[in-house]
């Protein structure tokens, strides 16, 4: 019974921390676009061709 006086505040602190981390992630935009990450892993992005580099004039 005496251990509950120790365990209940600790469990409440863990719950408060988890809720705080969840709201921090939502505010930071972590869950804005859930489909993009799955598509990015499955489909390779096509490489964009780079413009040819012109040689520098050597004077």
C-alpha atoms as a PDB file:
ATOM      1  CA  UNK A   1       0.000   0.000   0.000  1.00  0.00           C
ATOM      2  CA  UNK A   2       2.806   2.410   0.798  1.00  0.00           C
ATOM      3  CA  UNK A   3       4.365   1.764  -2.598  1.00  0.00           C
ATOM      4  CA  UNK A   4       1.302   3.310  -4.248  1.00  0.00           C
ATOM      5  CA  UNK A   5       2.235   6.683  -2.757  1.00  0.00           C
ATOM      6  CA  UNK A   6       5.439   6.387  -4.759  1.00  0.00           C
ATOM      7  CA  UNK A   7       4.144   4.752  -7.952  1.00  0.00           C
ATOM      8  CA  UNK A   8       1.060   6.896  -8.610  1.00  0.00           C
ATOM      9  CA  UNK A   9       2.955  10.226  -8.858  1.00  0.00           C
ATOM     10  CA  UNK A  10       5.601   8.609 -11.052  1.00  0.00           C
ATOM     11  CA  UNK A  11       2.970   7.176 -13.404  1.00  0.00           C
ATOM     12  CA  UNK A  12       1.195  10.549 -13.555  1.00  0.00           C
ATOM     13  CA  UNK A  13       4.496  12.212 -14.442  1.00  0.00           C
ATOM     14  CA  UNK A  14       5.059   9.699 -17.267  1.00  0.00           C
ATOM     15  CA  UNK A  15       1.553  10.310 -18.620  1.00  0.00           C
ATOM     16  CA  UNK A  16       2.052  14.080 -18.487  1.00  0.00           C
ATOM     17  CA  UNK A  17       5.387  13.704 -20.283  1.00  0.00           C
ATOM     18  CA  UNK A  18       3.836  11.507 -22.990  1.00  0.00           C
ATOM     19  CA  UNK A  19       0.994  13.976 -23.552  1.00  0.00           C
ATOM     20  CA  UNK A  20       3.468  16.857 -23.704  1.00  0.00           C
ATOM     21  CA  UNK A  21       5.634  15.046 -26.257  1.00  0.00           C
ATOM     22  CA  UNK A  22       2.567  14.234 -28.345  1.00  0.00           C
ATOM     23  CA  UNK A  23       1.422  17.866 -28.489  1.00  0.00           C
ATOM     24  CA  UNK A  24       4.988  18.971 -29.212  1.00  0.00           C
ATOM     25  CA  UNK A  25       5.135  16.590 -32.186  1.00  0.00           C
ATOM     26  CA  UNK A  26       1.756  17.759 -33.491  1.00  0.00           C
ATOM     27  CA  UNK A  27       2.762  21.413 -33.149  1.00  0.00           C
ATOM     28  CA  UNK A  28       6.046  20.692 -34.944  1.00  0.00           C
ATOM     29  CA  UNK A  29       4.217  19.243 -37.969  1.00  0.00           C
ATOM     30  CA  UNK A  30       5.222  15.622 -37.458  1.00  0.00           C
ATOM     31  CA  UNK A  31       1.781  14.329 -38.451  1.00  0.00           C
ATOM     32  CA  UNK A  32       0.939  16.792 -41.239  1.00  0.00           C
ATOM     33  CA  UNK A  33       1.463  14.481 -44.213  1.00  0.00           C
ATOM     34  CA  UNK A  34       1.359  10.797 -43.336  1.00  0.00           C
ATOM     35  CA  UNK A  35       1.177   9.484 -46.919  1.00  0.00           C
ATOM     36  CA  UNK A  36       4.257  11.233 -48.306  1.00  0.00           C
ATOM     37  CA  UNK A  37       6.782   9.272 -46.252  1.00  0.00           C
ATOM     38  CA  UNK A  38       5.322   5.926 -47.309  1.00  0.00           C
ATOM     39  CA  UNK A  39       5.345   6.933 -50.961  1.00  0.00           C
ATOM     40  CA  UNK A  40       8.859   8.330 -50.747  1.00  0.00           C
ATOM     41  CA  UNK A  41      10.179   5.009 -49.488  1.00  0.00           C
ATOM     42  CA  UNK A  42       8.386   2.930 -52.125  1.00  0.00           C
ATOM     43  CA  UNK A  43       8.989   5.044 -55.214  1.00  0.00           C
ATOM     44  CA  UNK A  44      12.363   6.366 -56.227  1.00  0.00           C
ATOM     45  CA  UNK A  45      12.553   9.977 -57.220  1.00  0.00           C
ATOM     46  CA  UNK A  46      13.693  10.546 -60.753  1.00  0.00           C
ATOM     47  CA  UNK A  47      17.072  12.208 -61.004  1.00  0.00           C
ATOM     48  CA  UNK A  48      16.829  15.640 -62.565  1.00  0.00           C
ATOM     49  CA  UNK A  49      19.339  16.206 -65.363  1.00  0.00           C
ATOM     50  CA  UNK A  50      21.895  18.844 -64.534  1.00  0.00           C
ATOM     51  CA  UNK A  51      22.789  21.612 -66.933  1.00  0.00           C
ATOM     52  CA  UNK A  52      26.142  21.042 -68.652  1.00  0.00           C
ATOM     53  CA  UNK A  53      28.947  23.041 -67.137  1.00  0.00           C
ATOM     54  CA  UNK A  54      30.823  25.402 -69.390  1.00  0.00           C
ATOM     55  CA  UNK A  55      34.629  25.361 -69.158  1.00  0.00           C
ATOM     56  CA  UNK A  56      36.157  28.422 -67.616  1.00  0.00           C
ATOM     57  CA  UNK A  57      38.299  30.649 -69.821  1.00  0.00           C
ATOM     58  CA  UNK A  58      41.957  30.253 -69.080  1.00  0.00           C
ATOM     59  CA  UNK A  59      43.779  33.496 -69.838  1.00  0.00           C
END
